[in-house]
Amino acid sequence: MFRRIALTGALLVIAFLAGVAVFLTAKGVPAFGAEAGEQLYGKDSLVGLVGPLLFGTVLASVIAMVVVAPLAIGLALVISHYAPRRLARPVGFLVDLLAAVPSVIVGLWGIEVLAPRVAPLLESLDRLPFLEGPVPSSGRTLLTAALVLALMALPIVTAIMREVFAQTPRAHEEAALALGATRWEMVRMAVLPYGRSGIVAALMLGLGRALGETMAVAMVLGATGAKLSADLIAADGANTIAAFIANNYANASGVKTNVLVFAGLALFVLTFAVNYLGRWVASRGRVAV
């Protein structure tokens, strides 16, 4: 009975996923007939609209993972190997609870707390490449949105890494300590090599989480257009697909709706590919071990 229930649940998930893919494809294909200008939100072609949005989506998500990686590794190591058990367990619970915070709340935090505080810092960085500005006084830029994405991806990445590090064979750790290694040397020589594939898989899954985030990014960026720009602190910099759809779908009609659905299809394919790659890396790591 359990096997049949599990199989039915798995088939339902596949059916729902296939249904989403069919819907997006059926509604997105008519977008190829959209005319340049109004129907394509001021762009000359469909690729000219979706391409910059894909670039902004990937750019913000990658920056978020660059911020998340050291924080998640450090938190996971503290919880699994450094902190006493009476302290590690509450810290682990607190990190996991971050995943339960609604994206709207995180978006409000990004607008009201984070953005005003990072604005002065962004102004001091406008001499660096990809940070040319001008910086808006509100601080609501793509870099701010990337920091919000980092906060939202941190719990899932930390949770996966924590479990991976905790599975390191005890014999490996004790052997390193018996040979005179310090705690950090033991972690560097035994724990991190063992969990290398898990670290990569966790970051890939966190990247998939960041790619699909909608409300928090839409609230931080506001009604920004589709612009191909690597400037992270400009007021009219790049935008993400999810935020662009959220800000424009309510007023869309006709072919413009198909254009937004096609952008959603591009995001669906990208997110599916990233998550599949993360699962593949994780499965290869388990086989290798």
C-alpha atoms as a PDB file:
ATOM      1  CA  MET A   1       0.000   0.000   0.000  1.00  0.00           C
ATOM      2  CA  PHE A   2       2.784   2.430   0.894  1.00  0.00           C
ATOM      3  CA  ARG A   3       4.581   1.664  -2.366  1.00  0.00           C
ATOM      4  CA  ARG A   4       1.444   2.369  -4.378  1.00  0.00           C
ATOM      5  CA  ILE A   5       0.747   5.615  -2.529  1.00  0.00           C
ATOM      6  CA  ALA A   6       4.330   6.768  -3.034  1.00  0.00           C
ATOM      7  CA  LEU A   7       4.214   5.854  -6.734  1.00  0.00           C
ATOM      8  CA  THR A   8       0.904   7.670  -7.168  1.00  0.00           C
ATOM      9  CA  GLY A   9       2.306  10.782  -5.480  1.00  0.00           C
ATOM     10  CA  ALA A  10       5.400  10.726  -7.679  1.00  0.00           C
ATOM     11  CA  LEU A  11       3.315  10.330 -10.845  1.00  0.00           C
ATOM     12  CA  LEU A  12       1.064  13.220  -9.782  1.00  0.00           C
ATOM     13  CA  VAL A  13       4.077  15.485  -9.329  1.00  0.00           C
ATOM     14  CA  ILE A  14       5.327  14.544 -12.801  1.00  0.00           C
ATOM     15  CA  ALA A  15       1.849  15.106 -14.243  1.00  0.00           C
ATOM     16  CA  PHE A  16       1.568  18.555 -12.648  1.00  0.00           C
ATOM     17  CA  LEU A  17       5.037  19.497 -13.898  1.00  0.00           C
ATOM     18  CA  ALA A  18       4.180  18.312 -17.394  1.00  0.00           C
ATOM     19  CA  GLY A  19       0.912  20.247 -17.241  1.00  0.00           C
ATOM     20  CA  VAL A  20       2.756  23.442 -16.351  1.00  0.00           C
ATOM     21  CA  ALA A  21       5.189  22.886 -19.224  1.00  0.00           C
ATOM     22  CA  VAL A  22       2.352  22.260 -21.696  1.00  0.00           C
ATOM     23  CA  PHE A  23       0.441  25.339 -20.512  1.00  0.00           C
ATOM     24  CA  LEU A  24       3.470  27.623 -20.765  1.00  0.00           C
ATOM     25  CA  THR A  25       4.358  26.279 -24.193  1.00  0.00           C
ATOM     26  CA  ALA A  26       0.822  26.584 -25.569  1.00  0.00           C
ATOM     27  CA  LYS A  27       0.363  30.118 -24.230  1.00  0.00           C
ATOM     28  CA  GLY A  28       3.920  31.244 -24.969  1.00  0.00           C
ATOM     29  CA  VAL A  29       4.282  30.169 -28.617  1.00  0.00           C
ATOM     30  CA  PRO A  30       1.903  32.919 -29.927  1.00  0.00           C
ATOM     31  CA  ALA A  31       4.397  35.460 -28.550  1.00  0.00           C
ATOM     32  CA  PHE A  32       6.537  34.871 -31.658  1.00  0.00           C
ATOM     33  CA  GLY A  33       3.881  36.748 -33.614  1.00  0.00           C
ATOM     34  CA  ALA A  34       4.133  39.857 -31.431  1.00  0.00           C
ATOM     35  CA  GLU A  35       4.954  43.094 -33.215  1.00  0.00           C
ATOM     36  CA  ALA A  36       7.886  45.279 -32.255  1.00  0.00           C
ATOM     37  CA  GLY A  37       7.120  48.160 -29.955  1.00  0.00           C
ATOM     38  CA  GLU A  38       4.070  48.157 -27.722  1.00  0.00           C
ATOM     39  CA  GLN A  39       3.422  44.408 -27.791  1.00  0.00           C
ATOM     40  CA  LEU A  40       7.046  43.681 -26.865  1.00  0.00           C
ATOM     41  CA  TYR A  41       7.271  46.392 -24.197  1.00  0.00           C
ATOM     42  CA  GLY A  42       9.313  48.700 -26.390  1.00  0.00           C
ATOM     43  CA  LYS A  43      11.693  46.048 -27.741  1.00  0.00           C
ATOM     44  CA  ASP A  44      12.337  45.136 -31.367  1.00  0.00           C
ATOM     45  CA  SER A  45      12.162  41.359 -30.910  1.00  0.00           C
ATOM     46  CA  LEU A  46      11.158  38.698 -28.430  1.00  0.00           C
ATOM     47  CA  VAL A  47      14.772  37.762 -27.869  1.00  0.00           C
ATOM     48  CA  GLY A  48      15.568  41.419 -27.232  1.00  0.00           C
ATOM     49  CA  LEU A  49      13.043  41.377 -24.387  1.00  0.00           C
ATOM     50  CA  VAL A  50      13.639  37.959 -22.815  1.00  0.00           C
ATOM     51  CA  GLY A  51      17.434  37.980 -23.247  1.00  0.00           C
ATOM     52  CA  PRO A  52      18.106  40.969 -20.945  1.00  0.00           C
ATOM     53  CA  LEU A  53      15.624  39.589 -18.404  1.00  0.00           C
ATOM     54  CA  LEU A  54      17.414  36.225 -18.387  1.00  0.00           C
ATOM     55  CA  PHE A  55      20.729  38.019 -17.966  1.00  0.00           C
ATOM     56  CA  GLY A  56      19.429  40.044 -15.022  1.00  0.00           C
ATOM     57  CA  THR A  57      17.896  36.945 -13.426  1.00  0.00           C
ATOM     58  CA  VAL A  58      21.122  34.953 -13.653  1.00  0.00           C
ATOM     59  CA  LEU A  59      23.254  37.923 -12.561  1.00  0.00           C
ATOM     60  CA  ALA A  60      21.234  38.614  -9.409  1.00  0.00           C
ATOM     61  CA  SER A  61      21.069  34.920  -8.507  1.00  0.00           C
ATOM     62  CA  VAL A  62      24.788  34.315  -9.010  1.00  0.00           C
ATOM     63  CA  ILE A  63      25.645  37.334  -6.843  1.00  0.00           C
ATOM     64  CA  ALA A  64      23.303  35.963  -4.192  1.00  0.00           C
ATOM     65  CA  MET A  65      25.118  32.598  -4.282  1.00  0.00           C
ATOM     66  CA  VAL A  66      28.498  34.329  -3.980  1.00  0.00           C
ATOM     67  CA  VAL A  67      27.225  35.928  -0.772  1.00  0.00           C
ATOM     68  CA  VAL A  68      25.519  32.755   0.464  1.00  0.00           C
ATOM     69  CA  ALA A  69      28.395  30.302  -0.115  1.00  0.00           C
ATOM     70  CA  PRO A  70      30.779  31.397   2.679  1.00  0.00           C
ATOM     71  CA  LEU A  71      27.927  32.131   5.100  1.00  0.00           C
ATOM     72  CA  ALA A  72      26.263  28.762   4.523  1.00  0.00           C
ATOM     73  CA  ILE A  73      29.514  26.797   4.801  1.00  0.00           C
ATOM     74  CA  GLY A  74      30.445  28.615   8.001  1.00  0.00           C
ATOM     75  CA  LEU A  75      26.996  28.177   9.557  1.00  0.00           C
ATOM     76  CA  ALA A  76      26.830  24.513   8.595  1.00  0.00           C
ATOM     77  CA  LEU A  77      30.266  23.810  10.068  1.00  0.00           C
ATOM     78  CA  VAL A  78      29.435  25.651  13.285  1.00  0.00           C
ATOM     79  CA  ILE A  79      26.209  23.705  13.711  1.00  0.00           C
ATOM     80  CA  SER A  80      27.659  20.311  12.791  1.00  0.00           C
ATOM     81  CA  HIS A  81      31.196  20.417  14.217  1.00  0.00           C
ATOM     82  CA  TYR A  82      31.984  23.443  16.374  1.00  0.00           C
ATOM     83  CA  ALA A  83      29.070  24.563  18.533  1.00  0.00           C
ATOM     84  CA  PRO A  84      28.028  22.517  21.584  1.00  0.00           C
ATOM     85  CA  ARG A  85      24.922  20.424  20.991  1.00  0.00           C
ATOM     86  CA  ARG A  86      22.801  22.538  23.363  1.00  0.00           C
ATOM     87  CA  LEU A  87      23.665  25.587  21.231  1.00  0.00           C
ATOM     88  CA  ALA A  88      23.857  23.963  17.788  1.00  0.00           C
ATOM     89  CA  ARG A  89      20.282  22.682  17.873  1.00  0.00           C
ATOM     90  CA  PRO A  90      18.610  26.084  18.565  1.00  0.00           C
ATOM     91  CA  VAL A  91      20.841  27.777  15.974  1.00  0.00           C
ATOM     92  CA  GLY A  92      19.854  25.123  13.437  1.00  0.00           C
ATOM     93  CA  PHE A  93      16.178  25.692  14.225  1.00  0.00           C
ATOM     94  CA  LEU A  94      16.562  29.455  13.802  1.00  0.00           C
ATOM     95  CA  VAL A  95      18.255  29.050  10.431  1.00  0.00           C
ATOM     96  CA  ASP A  96      15.532  26.662   9.286  1.00  0.00           C
ATOM     97  CA  LEU A  97      12.842  29.107  10.432  1.00  0.00           C
ATOM     98  CA  LEU A  98      14.179  31.709   8.000  1.00  0.00           C
ATOM     99  CA  ALA A  99      12.705  29.583   5.213  1.00  0.00           C
ATOM    100  CA  ALA A 100       9.246  30.057   6.751  1.00  0.00           C
ATOM    101  CA  VAL A 101       9.338  33.849   6.467  1.00  0.00           C
ATOM    102  CA  PRO A 102       6.998  34.919   3.613  1.00  0.00           C
ATOM    103  CA  SER A 103       8.682  36.552   0.641  1.00  0.00           C
ATOM    104  CA  VAL A 104       6.454  39.627   1.066  1.00  0.00           C
ATOM    105  CA  ILE A 105       7.890  40.178   4.544  1.00  0.00           C
ATOM    106  CA  VAL A 106      11.419  39.787   3.217  1.00  0.00           C
ATOM    107  CA  GLY A 107      10.607  42.256   0.454  1.00  0.00           C
ATOM    108  CA  LEU A 108       9.312  44.809   2.947  1.00  0.00           C
ATOM    109  CA  TRP A 109      12.462  44.320   5.012  1.00  0.00           C
ATOM    110  CA  GLY A 110      14.539  44.878   1.894  1.00  0.00           C
ATOM    111  CA  ILE A 111      12.732  48.128   1.087  1.00  0.00           C
ATOM    112  CA  GLU A 112      12.458  49.621   4.567  1.00  0.00           C
ATOM    113  CA  VAL A 113      15.600  48.349   6.304  1.00  0.00           C
ATOM    114  CA  LEU A 114      18.231  47.062   3.900  1.00  0.00           C
ATOM    115  CA  ALA A 115      17.956  49.460   0.947  1.00  0.00           C
ATOM    116  CA  PRO A 116      18.291  52.744   2.919  1.00  0.00           C
ATOM    117  CA  ARG A 117      21.323  51.391   4.783  1.00  0.00           C
ATOM    118  CA  VAL A 118      23.200  50.123   1.743  1.00  0.00           C
ATOM    119  CA  ALA A 119      22.590  53.282  -0.322  1.00  0.00           C
ATOM    120  CA  PRO A 120      25.541  55.216   1.237  1.00  0.00           C
ATOM    121  CA  LEU A 121      27.780  52.185   0.757  1.00  0.00           C
ATOM    122  CA  LEU A 122      26.752  51.865  -2.898  1.00  0.00           C
ATOM    123  CA  GLU A 123      27.612  55.515  -3.518  1.00  0.00           C
ATOM    124  CA  SER A 124      31.162  54.877  -2.291  1.00  0.00           C
ATOM    125  CA  LEU A 125      31.534  51.972  -4.733  1.00  0.00           C
ATOM    126  CA  ASP A 126      30.544  53.801  -7.919  1.00  0.00           C
ATOM    127  CA  ARG A 127      34.170  53.946  -9.117  1.00  0.00           C
ATOM    128  CA  LEU A 128      34.426  50.187  -9.477  1.00  0.00           C
ATOM    129  CA  PRO A 129      33.616  48.224 -12.662  1.00  0.00           C
ATOM    130  CA  PHE A 130      29.928  47.271 -13.002  1.00  0.00           C
ATOM    131  CA  LEU A 131      29.174  49.775 -10.231  1.00  0.00           C
ATOM    132  CA  GLU A 132      28.900  53.035 -12.144  1.00  0.00           C
ATOM    133  CA  GLY A 133      25.558  54.342 -10.953  1.00  0.00           C
ATOM    134  CA  PRO A 134      23.999  56.782 -10.518  1.00  0.00           C
ATOM    135  CA  VAL A 135      22.780  55.288  -7.251  1.00  0.00           C
ATOM    136  CA  PRO A 136      19.136  56.004  -6.381  1.00  0.00           C
ATOM    137  CA  SER A 137      18.568  57.590  -3.005  1.00  0.00           C
ATOM    138  CA  SER A 138      16.228  54.750  -2.096  1.00  0.00           C
ATOM    139  CA  GLY A 139      18.998  52.158  -2.545  1.00  0.00           C
ATOM    140  CA  ARG A 140      16.632  49.877  -4.494  1.00  0.00           C
ATOM    141  CA  THR A 141      19.052  48.374  -7.012  1.00  0.00           C
ATOM    142  CA  LEU A 142      19.851  44.976  -8.465  1.00  0.00           C
ATOM    143  CA  LEU A 143      22.609  44.530  -5.876  1.00  0.00           C
ATOM    144  CA  THR A 144      20.106  45.139  -3.075  1.00  0.00           C
ATOM    145  CA  ALA A 145      17.759  42.604  -4.656  1.00  0.00           C
ATOM    146  CA  ALA A 146      20.637  40.115  -4.820  1.00  0.00           C
ATOM    147  CA  LEU A 147      21.259  40.546  -1.090  1.00  0.00           C
ATOM    148  CA  VAL A 148      17.566  39.890  -0.431  1.00  0.00           C
ATOM    149  CA  LEU A 149      17.802  36.744  -2.556  1.00  0.00           C
ATOM    150  CA  ALA A 150      20.839  35.669  -0.540  1.00  0.00           C
ATOM    151  CA  LEU A 151      18.828  35.893   2.672  1.00  0.00           C
ATOM    152  CA  MET A 152      16.043  33.791   1.169  1.00  0.00           C
ATOM    153  CA  ALA A 153      18.387  31.119  -0.227  1.00  0.00           C
ATOM    154  CA  LEU A 154      20.546  30.866   2.905  1.00  0.00           C
ATOM    155  CA  PRO A 155      18.277  28.479   4.895  1.00  0.00           C
ATOM    156  CA  ILE A 156      17.988  25.772   2.235  1.00  0.00           C
ATOM    157  CA  VAL A 157      21.684  25.894   1.350  1.00  0.00           C
ATOM    158  CA  THR A 158      22.726  25.768   5.007  1.00  0.00           C
ATOM    159  CA  ALA A 159      20.350  22.900   5.792  1.00  0.00           C
ATOM    160  CA  ILE A 160      21.687  20.758   2.961  1.00  0.00           C
ATOM    161  CA  MET A 161      25.322  21.473   3.813  1.00  0.00           C
ATOM    162  CA  ARG A 162      24.701  20.769   7.491  1.00  0.00           C
ATOM    163  CA  GLU A 163      23.336  17.325   6.692  1.00  0.00           C
ATOM    164  CA  VAL A 164      26.201  16.611   4.302  1.00  0.00           C
ATOM    165  CA  PHE A 165      28.864  17.595   6.837  1.00  0.00           C
ATOM    166  CA  ALA A 166      27.148  15.574   9.565  1.00  0.00           C
ATOM    167  CA  GLN A 167      27.422  12.445   7.396  1.00  0.00           C
ATOM    168  CA  THR A 168      31.223  12.547   7.325  1.00  0.00           C
ATOM    169  CA  PRO A 169      32.452   9.145   8.611  1.00  0.00           C
ATOM    170  CA  ARG A 170      33.416   9.452  12.253  1.00  0.00           C
ATOM    171  CA  ALA A 171      36.453   7.263  11.610  1.00  0.00           C
ATOM    172  CA  HIS A 172      37.852   9.830   9.159  1.00  0.00           C
ATOM    173  CA  GLU A 173      37.512  12.640  11.671  1.00  0.00           C
ATOM    174  CA  GLU A 174      39.020  10.631  14.534  1.00  0.00           C
ATOM    175  CA  ALA A 175      41.902   9.489  12.345  1.00  0.00           C
ATOM    176  CA  ALA A 176      42.782  13.085  11.470  1.00  0.00           C
ATOM    177  CA  LEU A 177      42.626  14.137  15.120  1.00  0.00           C
ATOM    178  CA  ALA A 178      44.697  11.119  16.176  1.00  0.00           C
ATOM    179  CA  LEU A 179      47.441  12.176  13.771  1.00  0.00           C
ATOM    180  CA  GLY A 180      47.681  15.538  15.540  1.00  0.00           C
ATOM    181  CA  ALA A 181      45.432  17.652  13.319  1.00  0.00           C
ATOM    182  CA  THR A 182      43.674  20.632  14.842  1.00  0.00           C
ATOM    183  CA  ARG A 183      39.918  20.990  14.611  1.00  0.00           C
ATOM    184  CA  TRP A 184      40.207  23.220  11.543  1.00  0.00           C
ATOM    185  CA  GLU A 185      42.749  20.916   9.887  1.00  0.00           C
ATOM    186  CA  MET A 186      40.431  17.980  10.469  1.00  0.00           C
ATOM    187  CA  VAL A 187      37.560  19.910   8.871  1.00  0.00           C
ATOM    188  CA  ARG A 188      39.741  20.972   5.935  1.00  0.00           C
ATOM    189  CA  MET A 189      41.203  17.514   5.276  1.00  0.00           C
ATOM    190  CA  ALA A 190      38.280  15.235   6.158  1.00  0.00           C
ATOM    191  CA  VAL A 191      34.935  17.063   6.251  1.00  0.00           C
ATOM    192  CA  LEU A 192      35.189  19.479   3.311  1.00  0.00           C
ATOM    193  CA  PRO A 193      36.588  16.930   0.809  1.00  0.00           C
ATOM    194  CA  TYR A 194      33.905  14.430   1.798  1.00  0.00           C
ATOM    195  CA  GLY A 195      31.153  17.002   1.341  1.00  0.00           C
ATOM    196  CA  ARG A 196      32.452  18.645  -1.838  1.00  0.00           C
ATOM    197  CA  SER A 197      29.692  17.310  -4.079  1.00  0.00           C
ATOM    198  CA  GLY A 198      27.095  18.153  -1.430  1.00  0.00           C
ATOM    199  CA  ILE A 199      28.343  21.736  -1.275  1.00  0.00           C
ATOM    200  CA  VAL A 200      28.039  22.105  -5.038  1.00  0.00           C
ATOM    201  CA  ALA A 201      24.592  20.503  -5.057  1.00  0.00           C
ATOM    202  CA  ALA A 202      23.397  22.752  -2.218  1.00  0.00           C
ATOM    203  CA  LEU A 203      24.563  25.868  -4.045  1.00  0.00           C
ATOM    204  CA  MET A 204      22.909  24.708  -7.274  1.00  0.00           C
ATOM    205  CA  LEU A 205      19.609  24.084  -5.485  1.00  0.00           C
ATOM    206  CA  GLY A 206      19.918  27.452  -3.758  1.00  0.00           C
ATOM    207  CA  LEU A 207      20.543  29.018  -7.169  1.00  0.00           C
ATOM    208  CA  GLY A 208      17.336  27.434  -8.422  1.00  0.00           C
ATOM    209  CA  ARG A 209      15.524  28.903  -5.420  1.00  0.00           C
ATOM    210  CA  ALA A 210      16.906  32.357  -6.164  1.00  0.00           C
ATOM    211  CA  LEU A 211      16.102  32.196  -9.884  1.00  0.00           C
ATOM    212  CA  GLY A 212      12.400  31.715  -9.268  1.00  0.00           C
ATOM    213  CA  GLU A 213      11.874  34.229  -6.465  1.00  0.00           C
ATOM    214  CA  THR A 214       9.227  36.774  -7.411  1.00  0.00           C
ATOM    215  CA  MET A 215       7.627  39.045  -4.832  1.00  0.00           C
ATOM    216  CA  ALA A 216      10.657  40.080  -2.808  1.00  0.00           C
ATOM    217  CA  VAL A 217      12.622  41.033  -5.931  1.00  0.00           C
ATOM    218  CA  ALA A 218       9.619  42.733  -7.525  1.00  0.00           C
ATOM    219  CA  MET A 219       9.089  44.826  -4.400  1.00  0.00           C
ATOM    220  CA  VAL A 220      12.743  45.849  -4.156  1.00  0.00           C
ATOM    221  CA  LEU A 221      13.284  46.657  -7.844  1.00  0.00           C
ATOM    222  CA  GLY A 222       9.882  48.178  -8.549  1.00  0.00           C
ATOM    223  CA  ALA A 223       8.631  48.714 -12.108  1.00  0.00           C
ATOM    224  CA  THR A 224      11.996  48.391 -13.866  1.00  0.00           C
ATOM    225  CA  GLY A 225      12.120  47.663 -17.594  1.00  0.00           C
ATOM    226  CA  ALA A 226      14.026  44.987 -19.501  1.00  0.00           C
ATOM    227  CA  LYS A 227      17.490  46.460 -19.938  1.00  0.00           C
ATOM    228  CA  LEU A 228      20.706  44.612 -20.728  1.00  0.00           C
ATOM    229  CA  SER A 229      23.024  46.117 -18.128  1.00  0.00           C
ATOM    230  CA  ALA A 230      25.734  44.789 -15.841  1.00  0.00           C
ATOM    231  CA  ASP A 231      25.580  47.885 -13.631  1.00  0.00           C
ATOM    232  CA  LEU A 232      24.518  46.579 -10.229  1.00  0.00           C
ATOM    233  CA  ILE A 233      23.793  49.899  -8.543  1.00  0.00           C
ATOM    234  CA  ALA A 234      22.058  51.951 -11.245  1.00  0.00           C
ATOM    235  CA  ALA A 235      18.455  52.976 -10.752  1.00  0.00           C
ATOM    236  CA  ASP A 236      17.496  51.667 -14.226  1.00  0.00           C
ATOM    237  CA  GLY A 237      19.687  48.566 -14.212  1.00  0.00           C
ATOM    238  CA  ALA A 238      18.820  44.997 -15.144  1.00  0.00           C
ATOM    239  CA  ASN A 239      15.612  43.315 -14.074  1.00  0.00           C
ATOM    240  CA  THR A 240      14.609  39.696 -13.438  1.00  0.00           C
ATOM    241  CA  ILE A 241      11.998  37.673 -15.300  1.00  0.00           C
ATOM    242  CA  ALA A 242       9.899  36.953 -12.225  1.00  0.00           C
ATOM    243  CA  ALA A 243       9.833  40.590 -11.129  1.00  0.00           C
ATOM    244  CA  PHE A 244       9.048  41.799 -14.662  1.00  0.00           C
ATOM    245  CA  ILE A 245       6.103  39.405 -14.960  1.00  0.00           C
ATOM    246  CA  ALA A 246       4.773  40.291 -11.508  1.00  0.00           C
ATOM    247  CA  ASN A 247       4.869  44.022 -12.240  1.00  0.00           C
ATOM    248  CA  ASN A 248       3.298  43.845 -15.722  1.00  0.00           C
ATOM    249  CA  TYR A 249       0.926  40.879 -15.822  1.00  0.00           C
ATOM    250  CA  ALA A 250      -2.021  42.656 -14.197  1.00  0.00           C
ATOM    251  CA  ASN A 251      -2.150  45.249 -16.998  1.00  0.00           C
ATOM    252  CA  ALA A 252      -1.337  42.871 -19.866  1.00  0.00           C
ATOM    253  CA  SER A 253      -3.841  41.669 -22.429  1.00  0.00           C
ATOM    254  CA  GLY A 254      -3.814  39.915 -25.785  1.00  0.00           C
ATOM    255  CA  VAL A 255      -0.398  39.200 -27.239  1.00  0.00           C
ATOM    256  CA  LYS A 256       1.328  40.978 -24.353  1.00  0.00           C
ATOM    257  CA  THR A 257       0.044  38.236 -22.064  1.00  0.00           C
ATOM    258  CA  ASN A 258       1.577  35.635 -24.384  1.00  0.00           C
ATOM    259  CA  VAL A 259       4.867  37.525 -24.282  1.00  0.00           C
ATOM    260  CA  LEU A 260       4.931  37.404 -20.486  1.00  0.00           C
ATOM    261  CA  VAL A 261       4.009  33.713 -20.509  1.00  0.00           C
ATOM    262  CA  PHE A 262       6.878  33.047 -22.913  1.00  0.00           C
ATOM    263  CA  ALA A 263       9.224  34.835 -20.498  1.00  0.00           C
ATOM    264  CA  GLY A 264       7.855  32.560 -17.785  1.00  0.00           C
ATOM    265  CA  LEU A 265       8.566  29.544 -20.007  1.00  0.00           C
ATOM    266  CA  ALA A 266      12.191  30.655 -20.372  1.00  0.00           C
ATOM    267  CA  LEU A 267      12.465  30.962 -16.586  1.00  0.00           C
ATOM    268  CA  PHE A 268      10.823  27.544 -16.144  1.00  0.00           C
ATOM    269  CA  VAL A 269      13.368  25.880 -18.441  1.00  0.00           C
ATOM    270  CA  LEU A 270      16.280  27.660 -16.759  1.00  0.00           C
ATOM    271  CA  THR A 271      15.143  26.772 -13.234  1.00  0.00           C
ATOM    272  CA  PHE A 272      14.413  23.161 -14.197  1.00  0.00           C
ATOM    273  CA  ALA A 273      17.874  22.803 -15.742  1.00  0.00           C
ATOM    274  CA  VAL A 274      19.623  24.267 -12.691  1.00  0.00           C
ATOM    275  CA  ASN A 275      17.717  22.061 -10.232  1.00  0.00           C
ATOM    276  CA  TYR A 276      18.284  18.969 -12.368  1.00  0.00           C
ATOM    277  CA  LEU A 277      21.998  19.739 -12.484  1.00  0.00           C
ATOM    278  CA  GLY A 278      22.069  20.132  -8.704  1.00  0.00           C
ATOM    279  CA  ARG A 279      20.316  16.788  -8.178  1.00  0.00           C
ATOM    280  CA  TRP A 280      22.676  15.141 -10.659  1.00  0.00           C
ATOM    281  CA  VAL A 281      25.731  16.447  -8.815  1.00  0.00           C
ATOM    282  CA  ALA A 282      24.312  15.227  -5.500  1.00  0.00           C
ATOM    283  CA  SER A 283      23.589  11.756  -6.883  1.00  0.00           C
ATOM    284  CA  ARG A 284      27.095  11.483  -8.349  1.00  0.00           C
ATOM    285  CA  GLY A 285      28.519  12.410  -4.959  1.00  0.00           C
ATOM    286  CA  ARG A 286      26.556   9.642  -3.220  1.00  0.00           C
ATOM    287  CA  VAL A 287      27.675   7.081  -5.816  1.00  0.00           C
ATOM    288  CA  ALA A 288      31.290   8.156  -5.463  1.00  0.00           C
ATOM    289  CA  VAL A 289      31.153   7.781  -1.694  1.00  0.00           C
END
